[in-house]
Amino acid sequence: MSLNSYSCETELMDFKIYTLETAPDESKGALQQAEQTFKFIPNLEGILAESPATLKSGMALWDLFETTSFTPIEQQVIYLTANYEHECSYCVAAHSGLAKMVGMSAEDIEAIRNGKPLIDQKLQALRHFTKRMISERGWVGDEEIEEFLAAGYTRQQILEVILGIAVKVIHNYTNHIAKTPLDKAFQPYTWSKPSVP
C-alpha cells in the first residue's frame, strides 16, 4: 500500500464535528435543540449532523425515552448499562455526569462504571434485565421476564427498556466508528472498561 493511498483511507475515516455554522441546513434545528438541552453542542451531535435523519432520530428517541414510565434515575441505569455493555467510553462518561445531575448516588454510578451490582435490588434488577436484553439480542427467557416483573416492573417497561437500548445503539455505534473525542464538560468522568472477572 502506498503512502498516498493510506492517507486517502485515513482521511475517509475521519468524521467532521459540525457546528451551527457548518452543519447541513437540515441538521441546524436539531443542533440548536441540543445546544438548548446541554448548554453546548456535544461532539456526538456534531458528528451525527452529517446525517440529518440520524441526528433527528436519535434526538427524537431521546425525548420519547424521557416520557417513559421510568424515573430519571432508572433511565440513567438503562443508558449507563447499555453504554457499559457496548464499551462506549464517550457515553459512559457523558451519562455519569447526567446520572449525577438527576440524583443517582455516587456509589451506584461507580458500581455501573465498574460492572458491579447495585445496592438497590430493584435498580439491580433493571440493570440485569437491560444487560441480558443486550447480550441475548432480545432473546431473554420467560424466567428472566418473570424475575423482572417480580422486581416491581411491568410489561410496558420491558418495551421501554428496548427504547432506551435503541437510543444507545445510535449513539454508541456512532461513537465507535467516529472515535468521538470527549467534550470538556464530560472529561471529569473519563472511563475505560475495567477488567471484570
Foldseek 3Di string as FASTA:
>chain_A
DDPVVVVVVVVVLAFDQADLVRFDPLLNVLQVVCCVVPVHRWSLLSRCSNPSVLSVVLVVLVVVLPVDPDDQLLLLLLQLLLCLLLFQQQSLLVSLVVNVVSPDDPVQSVCSLAVHADPPPLSSLSSVLSNCCVVVVNPDDPVSVVVNVVSPDDPSVNVSSVSSSVSNVSRRVSCVSNVRDHDPVRVVRGGGHDDDD
